[in-house]
Amino acid sequence: IQTTRATLRQRKTGIDWSDLPRTFQDTITFARRIKIQYIWIDSLCIIQDDRLDWETESAVMANIYSNAYITLAATGPAGNGCFFERWTNPSILNWGLKVPVHSHQLSSLRNPNLKLYARIRLDGTFNSFTAGVTIGILEDSAPLLSRAWVFQERFLSPRVLYFHPSSLVWECRSALYLEPYSLEDFSTQRTESDVPMRLKKLFAKLDSPSTTLVAEVHDLWLSFVDEYSRLRLTYETDRLPALSGVATRFQEFMSAKGFTDDEYLAGIWRSDLVRSLAWGRSEGVTRRFPKPCPPSWSWASVDRVSGNSM
């Protein structure tokens, strides 16, 4: 369901509950439970076939997600909503394998009164949120995280609650919690290999320009590009717009540091121009986008990049 110019008047009047997809219904139900009165859903709040409205709202996406109380993300297969039967993939060899997540009671021959319960480890869930982008894994275990538009929503939001098929997952700017593991903060266990959390903690430093070096921020941007360029887009022309909210935050930081004349050039900052041009195509299938597309000297002109600086 979308808001278009043809349906705008009707949307302002109201939307029948039965017309909403299950994911929207579950999200609204959850928001009401935690006493949140207003909710933002891109496909309903932006007029989808109005280019001007789309550009206007995209320009303020950084403010929308940065100022949200919480972002709710249905990370399971499309159409399944937020509340569904739990399953996980215990195998790193067969990503199509899905096993129900249940606790199983184990019996003891020596002590029949002893009750033990076991369940499958959730390593696959853990890896989906802590490892760098591997499209094959994400598309199977957490499809939402493979989408480029979600990348900036994840980093801009102060806190995100994921409704993953295996577990609820809480992610904020300083911690990562999985439902079955109580209050165990997973962000403290794999500092170097936990790419998203490491980047998220660095991204939070943009709020403190007085104590953050410009060189750190330049490095962070290139790390963002490296991760972001691997993600999927429905429309290839969205490659730069889908990162515009994050770029806005970087621009605000650079202005606060006195770089008021710095320019954002098709995904590259003028203040780090030479190093940012040292990118190359990654191994495997890498395609140039059809015209119109970003200039050929920009990493955004291909669908995946690599290089000494990225």
Protein backbone atom coordinates (compact mmCIF):
# COMPACT_ATOMS: atom_id res chain seq x y z
CA ILE A 1 0.00 0.00 0.00
CA GLN A 2 1.30 3.45 -0.94
CA THR A 3 0.35 7.09 -1.00
CA THR A 4 0.17 8.47 -4.51
CA ARG A 5 -1.24 11.65 -5.95
CA ALA A 6 -4.40 9.73 -6.78
CA THR A 7 -4.85 8.42 -3.22
CA LEU A 8 -3.57 11.43 -1.24
CA ARG A 9 -7.02 12.84 -0.42
CA GLN A 10 -8.22 9.41 0.66
CA ARG A 11 -5.13 8.88 2.85
CA LYS A 12 -5.81 12.17 4.66
CA THR A 13 -9.32 10.97 5.44
CA GLY A 14 -8.25 7.59 6.78
CA ILE A 15 -7.07 4.09 5.92
CA ASP A 16 -9.11 0.99 6.63
CA TRP A 17 -7.31 -1.40 8.95
CA SER A 18 -8.00 -4.28 6.58
CA ASP A 19 -6.19 -2.43 3.77
CA LEU A 20 -2.94 -2.32 5.72
CA PRO A 21 -0.36 -5.08 5.18
CA ARG A 22 0.32 -7.32 8.14
CA THR A 23 3.67 -5.65 8.84
CA PHE A 24 2.03 -2.22 9.13
CA GLN A 25 -0.71 -3.61 11.36
CA ASP A 26 1.81 -5.26 13.68
CA THR A 27 3.92 -2.09 13.82
CA ILE A 28 0.93 0.08 14.73
CA THR A 29 -0.17 -2.45 17.36
CA PHE A 30 3.28 -2.42 18.93
CA ALA A 31 3.50 1.38 18.86
CA ARG A 32 0.17 1.64 20.65
CA ARG A 33 1.36 -0.83 23.30
CA ILE A 34 4.34 1.38 24.15
CA LYS A 35 2.17 4.53 24.09
CA ILE A 36 3.57 6.09 20.91
CA GLN A 37 0.97 8.22 19.16
CA TYR A 38 2.63 8.96 15.82
CA ILE A 39 4.38 6.67 13.37
CA TRP A 40 6.32 7.31 10.17
CA ILE A 41 6.06 4.81 7.29
CA ASP A 42 7.92 5.90 4.15
CA SER A 43 5.49 4.45 1.63
CA LEU A 44 2.53 6.19 3.30
CA CYS A 45 4.15 9.46 4.38
CA ILE A 46 5.88 10.22 1.06
CA ILE A 47 3.84 10.65 -2.13
CA GLN A 48 5.44 7.90 -4.15
CA ASP A 49 4.75 9.23 -7.65
CA ASP A 50 5.49 12.87 -6.83
CA ARG A 51 9.15 13.54 -7.56
CA LEU A 52 9.15 16.90 -5.79
CA ASP A 53 7.64 15.48 -2.60
CA TRP A 54 10.03 12.54 -2.71
CA GLU A 55 13.05 14.85 -3.05
CA THR A 56 11.75 17.14 -0.30
CA GLU A 57 11.26 14.33 2.20
CA SER A 58 14.50 12.57 1.25
CA ALA A 59 16.38 15.77 2.07
CA VAL A 60 15.11 15.69 5.67
CA MET A 61 15.47 11.94 6.19
CA ALA A 62 18.39 12.53 8.55
CA ASN A 63 16.14 14.55 10.85
CA ILE A 64 13.26 12.08 10.64
CA TYR A 65 15.26 9.05 11.75
CA SER A 66 17.67 10.86 14.07
CA ASN A 67 14.78 12.32 16.04
CA ALA A 68 12.64 9.19 16.12
CA TYR A 69 12.04 7.76 19.59
CA ILE A 70 12.51 4.25 18.20
CA THR A 71 12.68 2.60 14.77
CA LEU A 72 10.85 -0.70 14.36
CA ALA A 73 12.22 -3.06 11.71
CA ALA A 74 10.56 -6.26 10.48
CA THR A 75 13.65 -8.23 9.53
CA GLY A 76 11.95 -11.43 8.39
CA PRO A 77 10.62 -12.36 4.94
CA ALA A 78 8.38 -9.76 3.30
CA GLY A 79 4.72 -10.05 4.21
CA ASN A 80 5.27 -12.02 7.42
CA GLY A 81 4.76 -9.04 9.69
CA CYS A 82 6.54 -8.62 13.01
CA PHE A 83 5.09 -11.53 14.98
CA PHE A 84 5.66 -14.92 13.40
CA GLU A 85 6.86 -18.43 14.13
CA ARG A 86 10.46 -18.36 15.26
CA TRP A 87 13.07 -20.14 13.15
CA THR A 88 16.81 -20.02 12.72
CA ASN A 89 19.48 -21.37 10.43
CA PRO A 90 22.03 -23.41 12.38
CA SER A 91 24.19 -24.18 9.36
CA ILE A 92 26.87 -22.10 7.65
CA LEU A 93 26.86 -24.56 4.76
CA ASN A 94 23.20 -24.51 3.80
CA TRP A 95 21.66 -21.06 4.08
CA GLY A 96 18.29 -22.39 2.96
CA LEU A 97 17.97 -24.53 6.09
CA LYS A 98 15.33 -23.28 8.56
CA VAL A 99 14.83 -24.90 11.96
CA PRO A 100 12.15 -23.85 14.50
CA VAL A 101 13.44 -22.05 17.57
CA HIS A 102 11.99 -23.93 20.53
CA SER A 103 13.24 -25.11 23.88
CA HIS A 104 13.36 -28.88 24.08
CA GLN A 105 13.20 -30.78 27.34
CA LEU A 106 15.92 -33.37 27.81
CA SER A 107 15.45 -36.41 30.04
CA SER A 108 18.02 -38.01 32.29
CA LEU A 109 18.17 -41.79 32.75
CA ARG A 110 19.99 -41.40 36.04
CA ASN A 111 17.69 -38.77 37.49
CA PRO A 112 14.17 -38.73 36.01
CA ASN A 113 13.28 -35.69 38.14
CA LEU A 114 16.02 -33.60 36.59
CA LYS A 115 14.65 -31.20 33.97
CA LEU A 116 17.02 -29.76 31.38
CA TYR A 117 16.07 -27.58 28.45
CA ALA A 118 18.07 -26.87 25.31
CA ARG A 119 17.58 -24.91 22.13
CA ILE A 120 19.56 -24.28 18.97
CA ARG A 121 22.31 -21.67 19.11
CA LEU A 122 21.50 -18.38 17.39
CA ASP A 123 24.91 -17.79 15.82
CA GLY A 124 23.31 -17.01 12.45
CA THR A 125 21.23 -14.22 13.99
CA PHE A 126 24.25 -12.88 15.81
CA ASN A 127 26.34 -12.83 12.62
CA SER A 128 23.60 -11.05 10.65
CA PHE A 129 23.90 -8.03 12.92
CA THR A 130 27.61 -8.03 13.71
CA ALA A 131 29.48 -9.13 10.58
CA GLY A 132 30.20 -6.98 7.56
CA VAL A 133 27.87 -7.09 4.57
CA THR A 134 27.63 -10.52 2.95
CA ILE A 135 24.61 -10.32 0.68
CA GLY A 136 23.98 -14.08 0.42
CA ILE A 137 23.76 -14.43 4.20
CA LEU A 138 21.68 -11.31 4.75
CA GLU A 139 19.16 -12.10 2.03
CA ASP A 140 18.51 -15.47 3.66
CA SER A 141 18.63 -14.63 7.36
CA ALA A 142 17.73 -10.93 7.51
CA PRO A 143 16.48 -9.67 4.09
CA LEU A 144 15.76 -6.18 5.36
CA LEU A 145 19.43 -5.57 6.19
CA SER A 146 20.43 -6.27 2.58
CA ARG A 147 18.56 -3.17 1.38
CA ALA A 148 20.58 0.00 0.80
CA TRP A 149 17.82 2.34 2.04
CA VAL A 150 17.85 0.59 5.43
CA PHE A 151 21.57 1.28 5.87
CA GLN A 152 21.15 4.94 6.74
CA GLU A 153 18.01 4.27 8.78
CA ARG A 154 20.06 1.89 10.90
CA PHE A 155 22.81 4.42 11.58
CA LEU A 156 20.67 7.52 11.93
CA SER A 157 18.20 6.00 14.40
CA PRO A 158 19.14 6.37 18.09
CA ARG A 159 17.64 2.94 18.76
CA VAL A 160 16.25 0.14 16.58
CA LEU A 161 14.17 -2.88 17.56
CA TYR A 162 14.39 -5.67 15.00
CA PHE A 163 11.71 -8.33 14.75
CA HIS A 164 14.01 -11.05 13.46
CA PRO A 165 12.72 -14.58 12.70
CA SER A 166 14.92 -15.99 15.48
CA SER A 167 14.79 -13.28 18.10
CA LEU A 168 14.05 -9.71 19.01
CA VAL A 169 17.23 -7.69 18.55
CA TRP A 170 17.87 -4.33 20.20
CA GLU A 171 20.49 -2.06 18.67
CA CYS A 172 21.37 1.42 19.87
CA ARG A 173 24.45 3.62 19.53
CA SER A 174 26.34 1.84 22.27
CA ALA A 175 24.99 -1.71 22.61
CA LEU A 176 23.49 -4.76 20.90
CA TYR A 177 21.16 -7.16 22.70
CA LEU A 178 19.56 -10.42 21.54
CA GLU A 179 16.36 -11.46 23.30
CA PRO A 180 17.40 -14.95 24.51
CA TYR A 181 20.61 -13.66 26.09
CA SER A 182 19.04 -11.37 28.67
CA LEU A 183 21.18 -8.26 29.28
CA GLU A 184 24.37 -9.53 27.68
CA ASP A 185 25.75 -6.74 25.49
CA PHE A 186 27.17 -8.39 22.36
CA SER A 187 28.81 -5.17 21.19
CA THR A 188 31.54 -5.67 23.81
CA GLN A 189 32.51 -9.14 22.59
CA ARG A 190 33.74 -8.56 19.02
CA THR A 191 34.88 -4.95 18.89
CA GLU A 192 37.06 -5.27 15.77
CA SER A 193 35.05 -7.82 13.79
CA ASP A 194 31.69 -6.29 14.69
CA VAL A 195 31.61 -3.95 11.71
CA PRO A 196 28.14 -2.35 12.13
CA MET A 197 28.53 -1.63 15.85
CA ARG A 198 32.06 -0.31 15.39
CA LEU A 199 30.82 2.05 12.67
CA LYS A 200 27.80 3.03 14.74
CA LYS A 201 29.97 4.04 17.71
CA LEU A 202 32.21 6.05 15.40
CA PHE A 203 29.17 7.63 13.74
CA ALA A 204 28.00 8.83 17.16
CA LYS A 205 31.23 10.85 17.40
CA LEU A 206 29.85 13.21 14.75
CA ASP A 207 27.82 14.71 17.60
CA SER A 208 31.08 15.81 19.27
CA PRO A 209 33.01 17.84 16.67
CA SER A 210 35.17 19.50 19.33
CA THR A 211 36.76 16.15 20.28
CA THR A 212 36.64 14.33 16.92
CA LEU A 213 39.31 14.65 14.24
CA VAL A 214 38.42 15.33 10.60
CA ALA A 215 40.75 12.47 9.59
CA GLU A 216 38.66 10.06 11.68
CA VAL A 217 35.52 11.20 9.92
CA HIS A 218 37.11 10.84 6.48
CA ASP A 219 38.08 7.26 7.38
CA LEU A 220 34.57 6.61 8.65
CA TRP A 221 33.01 7.82 5.39
CA LEU A 222 35.16 5.46 3.33
CA SER A 223 34.21 2.58 5.64
CA PHE A 224 30.57 3.48 5.14
CA VAL A 225 31.00 3.44 1.36
CA ASP A 226 32.69 0.04 1.50
CA GLU A 227 29.75 -1.49 3.38
CA TYR A 228 26.99 0.47 1.65
CA SER A 229 28.12 -0.25 -1.92
CA ARG A 230 27.42 -3.98 -1.44
CA LEU A 231 23.75 -3.52 -0.61
CA ARG A 232 20.73 -3.97 -2.87
CA LEU A 233 18.57 -1.29 -4.47
CA THR A 234 15.30 -1.71 -6.33
CA TYR A 235 16.08 1.39 -8.38
CA GLU A 236 19.73 1.91 -9.23
CA THR A 237 19.20 5.66 -9.49
CA ASP A 238 18.71 5.68 -5.70
CA ARG A 239 22.37 4.84 -5.03
CA LEU A 240 23.21 8.36 -3.79
CA PRO A 241 19.77 9.47 -2.53
CA ALA A 242 19.62 6.43 -0.22
CA LEU A 243 22.76 7.70 1.52
CA SER A 244 21.78 11.37 1.59
CA GLY A 245 20.67 11.33 5.22
CA VAL A 246 24.06 10.08 6.38
CA ALA A 247 25.80 12.57 4.08
CA THR A 248 23.81 15.37 5.74
CA ARG A 249 25.18 14.38 9.14
CA PHE A 250 28.73 14.40 7.77
CA GLN A 251 28.13 17.82 6.20
CA GLU A 252 26.93 19.20 9.53
CA PHE A 253 30.06 17.88 11.22
CA MET A 254 32.38 19.39 8.60
CA SER A 255 30.64 22.76 8.93
CA ALA A 256 31.06 22.63 12.72
CA LYS A 257 34.79 21.98 12.19
CA GLY A 258 35.09 25.08 10.00
CA PHE A 259 35.03 23.33 6.61
CA THR A 260 32.15 25.49 5.45
CA ASP A 261 33.27 25.38 1.81
CA ASP A 262 33.58 21.57 1.67
CA GLU A 263 31.55 20.02 -1.14
CA TYR A 264 29.80 16.68 -1.45
CA LEU A 265 30.63 15.52 -4.98
CA ALA A 266 28.58 12.47 -6.02
CA GLY A 267 29.49 10.48 -2.91
CA ILE A 268 32.96 11.98 -2.40
CA TRP A 269 34.07 14.84 -0.14
CA ARG A 270 36.24 17.50 -1.75
CA SER A 271 38.32 17.72 1.45
CA ASP A 272 39.36 14.07 0.94
CA LEU A 273 39.21 14.04 -2.84
CA VAL A 274 42.52 12.43 -3.81
CA ARG A 275 42.20 9.47 -1.47
CA SER A 276 38.50 8.99 -2.23
CA LEU A 277 39.23 8.60 -5.94
CA ALA A 278 41.47 5.58 -5.22
CA TRP A 279 38.68 3.03 -5.48
CA GLY A 280 38.35 0.06 -7.78
CA ARG A 281 35.82 -2.54 -8.80
CA SER A 282 35.56 -5.51 -6.50
CA GLU A 283 36.21 -9.04 -7.65
CA GLY A 284 33.30 -10.91 -9.19
CA VAL A 285 30.36 -9.35 -10.98
CA THR A 286 30.46 -5.55 -10.82
CA ARG A 287 28.31 -3.59 -13.24
CA ARG A 288 28.15 -0.01 -14.36
CA PHE A 289 24.75 1.53 -13.94
CA PRO A 290 22.78 2.58 -17.02
CA LYS A 291 22.47 6.28 -17.75
CA PRO A 292 21.64 8.58 -16.11
CA CYS A 293 24.12 7.60 -13.44
CA PRO A 294 26.76 9.28 -11.25
CA PRO A 295 29.99 10.31 -13.01
CA SER A 296 32.42 7.50 -13.80
CA TRP A 297 34.99 8.82 -11.30
CA SER A 298 32.54 8.22 -8.44
CA TRP A 299 32.25 4.89 -6.60
CA ALA A 300 28.47 5.30 -6.95
CA SER A 301 28.69 4.59 -10.69
CA VAL A 302 29.14 0.85 -10.03
CA ASP A 303 27.34 -1.55 -7.72
CA ARG A 304 30.30 -2.58 -5.58
CA VAL A 305 33.71 -1.07 -4.96
CA SER A 306 36.97 -1.90 -3.25
CA GLY A 307 40.35 -0.28 -3.01
CA ASN A 308 43.14 0.82 -0.71
CA SER A 309 40.99 3.54 0.79
CA MET A 310 37.62 1.79 0.78
